[in-house]
Amino acid sequence: MVVIRNLKSFFVIVVLLICSAAGRAAAQDDPNAQYLLLQSGEAASAPREIEVPVEVGVLRLQFNLQAGRDLQWTIVTPSGKPMTLTDPNVAVNEGPDRRTIALWDPRPGPWKIRLTGHGKYTLSATAQGELHICCIQLWGRSGVFSMDRYQPAPGARQQAQVYASGFNIETIQFDLVNEQGATLAPLKFRQSDYSNPYNFTLLLEAPDQPFRIRARGRDLNGKPYQRIFPWLIRPQSPEALNAQNEGAAGNPRIGQSIVTMPQEWNKATVEGEYRIVRARIAEWKDELLVSEKGNPIGIRLKYSIRFPADGSYSPQPQVYPERITSGYTGALGMRILRGTVEPMPEGLVNPSQFFLGARANFRGDTVYHFSVDLIPNYALFDEQKKSFCLQTKTYSQPGLRERFDREVTSDLKVRYRLAFSGSDLDGRMPTLTENAYVPNRWYLGFGREGVTECQ
């Protein structure tokens, strides 16, 4: 079973790679960052303050200003005091027409940029951290497109898909903003799949002026966050778009296509702040799993789920040791051996298919009771032979074998963390087994069963 921490890290890495490929404009000098703020305008002589919400989990925060020397700026911290630029975690870079201030481990809360003076400017703030909203894709009759190829006519409608690091987001909303950062209109959207808090489907209707897309909401800790997709979309007249399409053979653009949405699609959409829907784990408990011969070989996990609405779900548990060191081999993570669910979901003939990754149709007005047997990652069960085998050769590299032996033969008691994908216990908050388990008991148990190396 893959460790949930590694899942989160893997998700972040994938997001960074996709976002970097989708739009190289995403954060000057920092391809792994996302925009918290991006706007251009012209400042008058009166001071102006622009708020930048910074959520929990931001590792690095950078402010960028492109402007002449007649325009000055001050970064104000959430405490209301100007930022001290001589702190050891702060880096300042002053150029003739561009200035940057970067800091590490910023305090969460409402930061502000105070502008004084006059002149044209482009202002941005970027962040690296755990929370990501990115990788927007558009689709319609002409295919799937990235945002940098979106050239709509005013009034054109288009569906879009957005990906988010749902494990640390509590609420979300989407808006259109102009080049100066002012709100133009809220966007209609919906959670693409109630079993998956990572994907959202948007309905874009292009205004008659340049615009960007903004996502904002509150994180798991209740702190506001904000993300700006960097592309400035400039709607064009139908005549201009036709001329471009005629001269761009092999390079189609999204233009005047009006996407007709199913009636039920519009009923399911929302505007404004939306609380992400997750299935609710009503109760759970754990106990030692023993074989037919009475030998301890793993954990039996029992849990009950009430789903938010009728739909297709796959609430698989992830179970892994509470404390993981840097040399952890993964051998003590747990994999699903078998499971049962009552009542039986619709369309599910063989329950084992569901617990091996398949989806099933569940009703929103029913509580379902699951029982799942889990064994350590180093053990496998052969369905044809109806017998276990051990994958110890997987850990045969020098150094790795010593760590493996130390883990599986340990007499220390270990509690396990639980997470259920798409639920209110999806790893956002630590959830531990009631009981502690001794890894050596499982290893000796397989030995008494006569289990040998996998061939």
Protein backbone atom coordinates (compact mmCIF):
# COMPACT_ATOMS: atom_id res chain seq x y z
CA MET A 1 0.00 0.00 0.00
CA VAL A 2 1.47 3.32 -1.01
CA VAL A 3 2.03 5.68 1.87
CA ILE A 4 -0.43 8.57 1.81
CA ARG A 5 2.33 11.09 2.44
CA ASN A 6 4.07 9.84 -0.64
CA LEU A 7 0.77 10.05 -2.52
CA LYS A 8 0.47 13.70 -1.59
CA SER A 9 4.08 14.38 -2.58
CA PHE A 10 3.59 12.48 -5.82
CA PHE A 11 0.45 14.49 -6.58
CA VAL A 12 2.29 17.76 -5.97
CA ILE A 13 5.17 16.70 -8.24
CA VAL A 14 2.79 15.67 -11.02
CA VAL A 15 0.89 18.94 -10.66
CA LEU A 16 4.09 20.94 -10.88
CA LEU A 17 5.23 19.12 -14.00
CA ILE A 18 1.87 19.46 -15.74
CA CYS A 19 1.48 23.11 -14.82
CA SER A 20 4.99 23.90 -15.98
CA ALA A 21 4.31 22.27 -19.33
CA ALA A 22 0.88 23.85 -19.67
CA GLY A 23 2.02 27.42 -19.21
CA ARG A 24 5.56 28.66 -18.89
CA ALA A 25 4.23 32.00 -17.71
CA ALA A 26 3.40 30.47 -14.33
CA ALA A 27 5.68 32.45 -12.05
CA GLN A 28 8.64 34.39 -13.36
CA ASP A 29 11.97 32.75 -12.47
CA ASP A 30 10.11 30.04 -10.56
CA PRO A 31 8.47 27.36 -12.74
CA ASN A 32 7.28 25.43 -9.68
CA ALA A 33 5.31 28.31 -8.17
CA GLN A 34 1.74 29.44 -8.61
CA TYR A 35 0.34 32.94 -8.79
CA LEU A 36 -1.45 34.31 -5.75
CA LEU A 37 -1.72 37.70 -7.44
CA LEU A 38 -1.19 38.95 -10.99
CA GLN A 39 -2.38 42.32 -12.23
CA SER A 40 -1.35 45.34 -14.25
CA GLY A 41 -2.48 48.93 -13.99
CA GLU A 42 -1.49 52.52 -13.46
CA ALA A 43 -1.08 53.98 -10.00
CA ALA A 44 -2.03 57.54 -9.10
CA SER A 45 -0.40 59.56 -6.37
CA ALA A 46 -2.71 58.25 -3.63
CA PRO A 47 -1.36 55.18 -1.80
CA ARG A 48 -2.99 51.88 -2.65
CA GLU A 49 -3.00 48.57 -0.76
CA ILE A 50 -3.50 45.20 -2.47
CA GLU A 51 -4.19 42.15 -0.32
CA VAL A 52 -2.42 38.82 -0.89
CA PRO A 53 -3.90 35.87 1.10
CA VAL A 54 -1.25 33.33 2.12
CA GLU A 55 -2.50 29.96 3.36
CA VAL A 56 -0.90 27.45 5.71
CA GLY A 57 1.76 25.29 4.06
CA VAL A 58 3.44 27.90 1.84
CA LEU A 59 7.17 27.22 1.80
CA ARG A 60 8.35 30.15 -0.30
CA LEU A 61 6.63 33.45 -1.13
CA GLN A 62 7.85 35.92 -3.74
CA PHE A 63 6.63 39.41 -4.65
CA ASN A 64 7.47 40.92 -8.05
CA LEU A 65 7.05 44.49 -9.26
CA GLN A 66 7.75 45.78 -12.76
CA ALA A 67 7.58 49.57 -12.71
CA GLY A 68 9.60 52.75 -13.01
CA ARG A 69 11.32 54.45 -10.10
CA ASP A 70 8.40 56.85 -9.61
CA LEU A 71 6.47 53.97 -8.04
CA GLN A 72 7.52 52.57 -4.65
CA TRP A 73 6.27 49.54 -2.77
CA THR A 74 6.16 48.20 0.76
CA ILE A 75 5.31 44.64 1.80
CA VAL A 76 3.08 44.56 4.87
CA THR A 77 2.96 41.38 7.00
CA PRO A 78 -0.22 39.86 8.49
CA SER A 79 0.66 41.62 11.78
CA GLY A 80 0.19 44.97 10.00
CA LYS A 81 3.88 45.92 10.12
CA PRO A 82 6.20 46.50 7.14
CA MET A 83 8.33 43.47 6.36
CA THR A 84 11.92 43.60 7.62
CA LEU A 85 14.04 43.13 4.52
CA THR A 86 17.22 42.32 6.48
CA ASP A 87 15.85 39.10 8.02
CA PRO A 88 17.94 36.02 7.14
CA ASN A 89 15.00 34.31 5.40
CA VAL A 90 14.45 37.26 3.04
CA ALA A 91 16.15 37.88 -0.33
CA VAL A 92 15.85 41.21 -2.17
CA ASN A 93 16.74 41.84 -5.81
CA GLU A 94 16.62 45.39 -7.20
CA GLY A 95 16.84 45.93 -10.96
CA PRO A 96 16.36 49.04 -13.12
CA ASP A 97 12.72 48.23 -13.88
CA ARG A 98 12.01 45.10 -11.87
CA ARG A 99 12.13 44.41 -8.15
CA THR A 100 11.63 41.13 -6.28
CA ILE A 101 11.36 40.22 -2.61
CA ALA A 102 11.36 36.53 -1.66
CA LEU A 103 11.02 34.92 1.74
CA TRP A 104 10.92 31.40 3.09
CA ASP A 105 8.41 30.00 5.59
CA PRO A 106 6.08 33.03 5.51
CA ARG A 107 3.49 33.56 8.22
CA PRO A 108 -0.03 32.57 7.01
CA GLY A 109 -2.60 35.33 6.79
CA PRO A 110 -3.44 38.49 4.82
CA TRP A 111 -0.25 40.04 3.42
CA LYS A 112 -0.50 43.39 1.64
CA ILE A 113 1.44 45.27 -1.02
CA ARG A 114 1.36 49.04 -0.51
CA LEU A 115 2.03 51.13 -3.62
CA THR A 116 2.94 54.80 -3.42
CA GLY A 117 3.78 57.12 -6.27
CA HIS A 118 2.57 56.97 -9.84
CA GLY A 119 3.17 55.12 -13.07
CA LYS A 120 2.30 51.93 -14.89
CA TYR A 121 3.07 48.65 -13.20
CA THR A 122 2.75 44.86 -13.33
CA LEU A 123 2.50 43.28 -9.91
CA SER A 124 2.55 39.62 -8.94
CA ALA A 125 2.98 37.32 -5.97
CA THR A 126 3.88 33.66 -6.34
CA ALA A 127 4.11 30.81 -3.88
CA GLN A 128 5.49 27.31 -3.56
CA GLY A 129 3.67 25.03 -1.15
CA GLU A 130 1.36 22.10 -0.69
CA LEU A 131 -1.82 23.68 -2.07
CA HIS A 132 -2.17 23.62 -5.85
CA ILE A 133 -4.92 24.59 -8.28
CA CYS A 134 -3.79 24.30 -11.84
CA CYS A 135 -3.60 22.40 -15.10
CA ILE A 136 -6.78 23.82 -16.60
CA GLN A 137 -7.94 22.16 -19.81
CA LEU A 138 -10.77 23.12 -22.16
CA TRP A 139 -12.82 20.79 -24.30
CA GLY A 140 -15.58 20.95 -26.84
CA ARG A 141 -16.47 19.70 -30.30
CA SER A 142 -13.02 20.63 -31.61
CA GLY A 143 -11.12 18.59 -29.00
CA VAL A 144 -9.14 19.34 -25.84
CA PHE A 145 -7.03 22.49 -25.55
CA SER A 146 -4.72 24.12 -23.05
CA MET A 147 -5.53 27.59 -21.77
CA ASP A 148 -2.82 29.32 -23.81
CA ARG A 149 -4.73 28.42 -27.02
CA TYR A 150 -8.08 29.74 -25.84
CA GLN A 151 -9.21 32.61 -28.08
CA PRO A 152 -12.96 33.03 -27.65
CA ALA A 153 -15.47 35.38 -29.13
CA PRO A 154 -17.47 37.39 -26.56
CA GLY A 155 -20.32 35.23 -25.30
CA ALA A 156 -18.71 31.93 -26.33
CA ARG A 157 -19.16 29.17 -23.78
CA GLN A 158 -16.70 26.42 -23.05
CA GLN A 159 -16.29 23.60 -20.55
CA ALA A 160 -13.03 23.41 -18.62
CA GLN A 161 -11.48 20.96 -16.19
CA VAL A 162 -9.39 22.15 -13.22
CA TYR A 163 -7.27 20.04 -10.89
CA ALA A 164 -6.65 20.82 -7.22
CA SER A 165 -4.82 19.35 -4.24
CA GLY A 166 -8.13 18.52 -2.61
CA PHE A 167 -6.71 17.05 0.60
CA ASN A 168 -5.91 20.54 1.96
CA ILE A 169 -8.85 22.53 0.54
CA GLU A 170 -12.10 23.00 2.45
CA THR A 171 -13.95 25.42 0.13
CA ILE A 172 -13.42 26.76 -3.39
CA GLN A 173 -14.94 29.22 -5.86
CA PHE A 174 -14.03 30.46 -9.35
CA ASP A 175 -14.35 33.96 -10.81
CA LEU A 176 -13.40 35.93 -13.89
CA VAL A 177 -11.18 38.94 -13.14
CA ASN A 178 -9.90 41.70 -15.39
CA GLU A 179 -6.31 42.72 -16.00
CA GLN A 180 -6.43 45.02 -12.96
CA GLY A 181 -7.59 42.17 -10.70
CA ALA A 182 -11.20 43.35 -10.27
CA THR A 183 -13.96 40.74 -10.30
CA LEU A 184 -15.95 40.58 -13.54
CA ALA A 185 -18.32 37.69 -12.85
CA PRO A 186 -18.57 34.43 -10.88
CA LEU A 187 -18.11 31.20 -12.79
CA LYS A 188 -20.54 28.32 -12.68
CA PHE A 189 -18.83 25.08 -11.72
CA ARG A 190 -19.34 21.73 -10.07
CA GLN A 191 -17.31 19.07 -8.33
CA SER A 192 -16.67 16.63 -11.16
CA ASP A 193 -17.07 13.55 -9.02
CA TYR A 194 -18.28 13.37 -5.41
CA SER A 195 -15.79 10.59 -4.74
CA ASN A 196 -12.92 12.78 -5.93
CA PRO A 197 -12.31 16.21 -4.33
CA TYR A 198 -9.50 16.97 -6.77
CA ASN A 199 -11.37 17.72 -10.02
CA PHE A 200 -13.79 20.52 -10.91
CA THR A 201 -15.68 21.23 -14.11
CA LEU A 202 -16.19 24.90 -15.07
CA LEU A 203 -18.55 26.57 -17.50
CA LEU A 204 -16.78 29.58 -19.05
CA GLU A 205 -18.73 32.33 -20.77
CA ALA A 206 -16.31 34.81 -22.29
CA PRO A 207 -16.93 38.49 -21.41
CA ASP A 208 -16.34 41.33 -23.87
CA GLN A 209 -13.00 42.33 -22.29
CA PRO A 210 -9.67 40.68 -21.39
CA PHE A 211 -9.91 38.35 -18.40
CA ARG A 212 -8.16 35.82 -16.22
CA ILE A 213 -9.55 33.00 -14.07
CA ARG A 214 -9.20 33.14 -10.30
CA ALA A 215 -9.75 30.37 -7.76
CA ARG A 216 -10.09 31.14 -4.07
CA GLY A 217 -11.53 29.76 -0.86
CA ARG A 218 -10.47 28.52 2.55
CA ASP A 219 -7.89 25.85 3.32
CA LEU A 220 -8.18 23.06 5.88
CA ASN A 221 -7.09 25.48 8.63
CA GLY A 222 -9.71 28.07 7.70
CA LYS A 223 -7.15 30.43 6.13
CA PRO A 224 -8.09 32.15 2.86
CA TYR A 225 -6.14 31.16 -0.25
CA GLN A 226 -6.11 32.46 -3.80
CA ARG A 227 -4.73 31.30 -7.13
CA ILE A 228 -4.65 33.15 -10.47
CA PHE A 229 -4.29 31.36 -13.77
CA PRO A 230 -1.67 33.50 -15.52
CA TRP A 231 -3.09 33.57 -19.06
CA LEU A 232 -4.74 36.86 -20.00
CA ILE A 233 -7.51 35.88 -22.42
CA ARG A 234 -8.42 38.55 -24.98
CA PRO A 235 -11.81 37.85 -26.60
CA GLN A 236 -11.89 38.71 -30.29
CA SER A 237 -14.58 39.37 -32.84
CA PRO A 238 -15.89 36.41 -34.89
CA GLU A 239 -14.41 37.98 -38.03
CA ALA A 240 -10.93 38.14 -36.52
CA LEU A 241 -11.15 34.58 -35.26
CA ASN A 242 -12.26 33.27 -38.66
CA ALA A 243 -9.31 35.00 -40.30
CA GLN A 244 -6.91 33.47 -37.79
CA ASN A 245 -8.37 29.98 -38.17
CA GLU A 246 -8.10 30.17 -41.96
CA GLY A 247 -4.43 31.09 -41.70
CA ALA A 248 -3.53 28.50 -39.06
CA ALA A 249 -3.85 25.13 -40.77
CA GLY A 250 -3.07 22.29 -38.40
CA ASN A 251 -3.23 24.62 -35.41
CA PRO A 252 -6.93 24.95 -34.53
CA ARG A 253 -8.11 27.48 -31.98
CA ILE A 254 -11.15 27.58 -29.78
CA GLY A 255 -13.26 30.45 -30.96
CA GLN A 256 -16.95 30.80 -31.52
CA SER A 257 -18.00 27.33 -30.44
CA ILE A 258 -21.04 27.45 -28.20
CA VAL A 259 -21.18 24.34 -26.04
CA THR A 260 -24.71 23.12 -25.32
CA MET A 261 -24.83 21.81 -21.76
CA PRO A 262 -27.25 19.10 -20.66
CA GLN A 263 -30.06 20.50 -18.55
CA GLU A 264 -29.00 18.46 -15.52
CA TRP A 265 -25.48 19.92 -15.83
CA ASN A 266 -26.75 23.45 -15.12
CA LYS A 267 -28.83 22.18 -12.21
CA ALA A 268 -25.72 20.73 -10.58
CA THR A 269 -23.57 23.87 -10.94
CA VAL A 270 -22.98 26.46 -8.26
CA GLU A 271 -21.62 29.99 -8.02
CA GLY A 272 -19.69 31.46 -5.13
CA GLU A 273 -18.00 29.66 -2.25
CA TYR A 274 -18.58 25.91 -2.35
CA ARG A 275 -17.73 23.42 0.40
CA ILE A 276 -16.06 20.38 -1.12
CA VAL A 277 -18.24 17.30 -0.76
CA ARG A 278 -16.72 14.21 0.81
CA ALA A 279 -18.24 10.94 1.94
CA ARG A 280 -18.68 10.68 5.71
CA ILE A 281 -17.07 7.87 7.69
CA ALA A 282 -19.71 7.13 10.31
CA GLU A 283 -17.56 4.83 12.45
CA TRP A 284 -14.55 2.54 12.26
CA LYS A 285 -12.63 0.03 14.35
CA ASP A 286 -9.68 -2.29 13.87
CA GLU A 287 -8.54 -5.66 15.19
CA LEU A 288 -5.83 -8.25 14.66
CA LEU A 289 -6.32 -10.39 11.54
CA VAL A 290 -5.60 -14.08 12.09
CA SER A 291 -5.41 -16.92 9.57
CA GLU A 292 -7.58 -20.05 9.59
CA LYS A 293 -4.80 -21.70 11.63
CA GLY A 294 -4.95 -18.92 14.20
CA ASN A 295 -1.72 -17.12 13.22
CA PRO A 296 -1.60 -13.28 13.22
CA ILE A 297 -1.00 -12.00 9.68
CA GLY A 298 -2.38 -8.44 9.48
CA ILE A 299 -5.20 -6.04 10.39
CA ARG A 300 -8.96 -6.31 9.96
CA LEU A 301 -10.51 -2.88 9.47
CA LYS A 302 -14.24 -2.29 9.78
CA TYR A 303 -15.87 1.00 8.81
CA SER A 304 -19.22 2.46 7.80
CA ILE A 305 -19.75 5.14 5.13
CA ARG A 306 -22.65 7.40 4.22
CA PHE A 307 -22.18 8.80 0.71
CA PRO A 308 -23.19 12.39 -0.13
CA ALA A 309 -25.33 11.44 -3.15
CA ASP A 310 -26.16 8.55 -5.43
CA GLY A 311 -23.10 7.84 -7.53
CA SER A 312 -20.08 5.73 -8.39
CA TYR A 313 -17.45 5.57 -5.63
CA SER A 314 -14.28 3.75 -4.69
CA PRO A 315 -13.53 4.53 -1.02
CA GLN A 316 -10.39 2.45 -0.63
CA PRO A 317 -8.53 2.66 2.70
CA GLN A 318 -4.85 3.54 2.94
CA VAL A 319 -3.16 2.12 6.05
CA TYR A 320 0.46 2.85 6.96
CA PRO A 321 2.63 3.13 10.09
CA GLU A 322 2.19 6.22 12.25
CA ARG A 323 5.91 7.03 12.40
CA ILE A 324 8.00 6.69 9.27
CA THR A 325 11.74 7.38 9.29
CA SER A 326 13.79 8.56 6.32
CA GLY A 327 14.98 4.99 5.74
CA TYR A 328 11.48 3.49 5.70
CA THR A 329 11.25 0.67 3.13
CA GLY A 330 7.45 0.59 2.76
CA ALA A 331 7.32 -3.08 3.78
CA LEU A 332 5.00 -2.36 6.71
CA GLY A 333 2.44 -0.46 4.68
CA MET A 334 -0.73 -2.53 4.34
CA ARG A 335 -2.30 -3.95 1.17
CA ILE A 336 -5.88 -5.15 0.77
CA LEU A 337 -6.30 -8.92 0.86
CA ARG A 338 -10.09 -9.13 0.65
CA GLY A 339 -13.20 -7.30 1.77
CA THR A 340 -16.96 -7.32 2.08
CA VAL A 341 -19.65 -4.64 2.01
CA GLU A 342 -23.25 -4.72 3.25
CA PRO A 343 -25.68 -4.04 1.76
CA MET A 344 -24.27 -4.99 -1.63
CA PRO A 345 -23.92 -1.94 -3.94
CA GLU A 346 -25.87 -1.89 -7.18
CA GLY A 347 -24.18 -3.52 -10.15
CA LEU A 348 -21.49 -5.22 -8.04
CA VAL A 349 -21.47 -8.99 -8.62
CA ASN A 350 -18.11 -9.86 -7.06
CA PRO A 351 -17.12 -7.78 -3.99
CA SER A 352 -13.44 -8.65 -4.50
CA GLN A 353 -13.47 -6.59 -7.72
CA PHE A 354 -14.40 -3.49 -5.75
CA PHE A 355 -11.59 -3.96 -3.24
CA LEU A 356 -9.08 -4.43 -6.05
CA GLY A 357 -9.77 -0.95 -7.41
CA ALA A 358 -13.08 -1.17 -9.27
CA ARG A 359 -15.92 1.27 -8.64
CA ALA A 360 -19.47 0.54 -7.55
CA ASN A 361 -22.77 2.42 -7.46
CA PHE A 362 -23.78 3.51 -3.97
CA ARG A 363 -26.92 5.28 -2.77
CA GLY A 364 -26.81 8.48 -0.78
CA ASP A 365 -29.59 7.49 1.63
CA THR A 366 -27.91 4.27 2.83
CA VAL A 367 -25.14 3.52 5.33
CA TYR A 368 -22.75 0.87 3.96
CA HIS A 369 -20.71 -1.35 6.26
CA PHE A 370 -17.27 -2.47 5.08
CA SER A 371 -14.90 -5.10 6.43
CA VAL A 372 -11.42 -5.15 4.90
CA ASP A 373 -8.57 -7.57 5.62
CA LEU A 374 -5.10 -6.10 5.18
CA ILE A 375 -1.67 -7.75 5.10
CA PRO A 376 1.83 -6.20 5.04
CA ASN A 377 3.20 -5.08 1.68
CA TYR A 378 5.88 -7.79 1.70
CA ALA A 379 3.20 -10.52 1.57
CA LEU A 380 1.14 -11.59 -1.44
CA PHE A 381 -1.84 -13.89 -1.84
CA ASP A 382 -2.18 -16.08 -4.94
CA GLU A 383 -5.89 -16.36 -5.77
CA GLN A 384 -5.37 -19.39 -8.01
CA LYS A 385 -3.25 -21.36 -5.52
CA LYS A 386 -5.13 -19.92 -2.52
CA SER A 387 -1.83 -19.45 -0.70
CA PHE A 388 0.52 -16.71 0.52
CA CYS A 389 4.08 -15.96 -0.50
CA LEU A 390 6.66 -13.40 0.64
CA GLN A 391 8.36 -10.80 -1.58
CA THR A 392 11.57 -10.47 0.42
CA LYS A 393 13.73 -10.45 -2.74
CA THR A 394 12.30 -7.01 -3.49
CA TYR A 395 14.38 -5.74 -0.55
CA SER A 396 17.62 -7.56 -1.41
CA GLN A 397 19.75 -4.51 -2.26
CA PRO A 398 22.62 -3.78 0.17
CA GLY A 399 21.43 -1.57 3.00
CA LEU A 400 17.79 -1.99 2.05
CA ARG A 401 17.72 -5.60 3.26
CA GLU A 402 19.07 -4.60 6.67
CA ARG A 403 16.36 -1.96 7.06
CA PHE A 404 13.70 -4.43 5.89
CA ASP A 405 14.78 -7.06 8.40
CA ARG A 406 14.85 -4.47 11.16
CA GLU A 407 11.31 -3.29 10.36
CA VAL A 408 9.53 -6.63 9.94
CA THR A 409 11.20 -8.28 12.98
CA SER A 410 10.64 -5.32 15.30
CA ASP A 411 9.03 -5.99 18.68
CA LEU A 412 7.99 -2.36 19.03
CA LYS A 413 4.27 -1.63 19.03
CA VAL A 414 3.12 0.37 16.00
CA ARG A 415 -0.13 2.25 15.54
CA TYR A 416 -1.33 2.80 12.00
CA ARG A 417 -2.73 5.86 10.27
CA LEU A 418 -5.95 5.54 8.30
CA ALA A 419 -7.13 7.45 5.27
CA PHE A 420 -10.11 6.86 2.96
CA SER A 421 -9.95 8.54 -0.45
CA GLY A 422 -12.79 10.95 -1.16
CA SER A 423 -14.01 10.97 2.45
CA ASP A 424 -13.86 13.28 5.45
CA LEU A 425 -10.98 11.10 6.70
CA ASP A 426 -8.82 11.45 3.59
CA GLY A 427 -5.51 12.05 5.36
CA ARG A 428 -6.07 15.73 6.07
CA MET A 429 -6.21 15.07 9.80
CA PRO A 430 -4.32 12.27 11.59
CA THR A 431 -6.60 9.27 12.19
CA LEU A 432 -5.04 6.35 14.06
CA THR A 433 -5.99 2.73 14.67
CA GLU A 434 -7.36 2.05 18.14
CA ASN A 435 -4.90 -0.81 18.60
CA ALA A 436 -1.13 -1.02 18.31
CA TYR A 437 0.46 -3.89 16.38
CA VAL A 438 3.81 -5.69 16.65
CA PRO A 439 5.32 -6.29 13.16
CA ASN A 440 7.29 -9.32 14.33
CA ARG A 441 4.07 -11.15 15.20
CA TRP A 442 2.99 -10.98 11.55
CA TYR A 443 6.40 -12.07 10.28
CA LEU A 444 6.46 -15.04 12.67
CA GLY A 445 2.84 -15.79 11.82
CA PHE A 446 3.63 -16.19 8.13
CA GLY A 447 6.55 -18.40 9.12
CA ARG A 448 4.29 -20.70 11.15
CA GLU A 449 1.96 -20.83 8.14
CA GLY A 450 4.88 -22.27 6.13
CA VAL A 451 4.85 -19.30 3.71
CA THR A 452 7.92 -19.16 1.43
CA GLU A 453 9.44 -16.75 -1.06
CA CYS A 454 7.35 -15.78 -4.10
CA GLN A 455 8.52 -17.50 -7.29
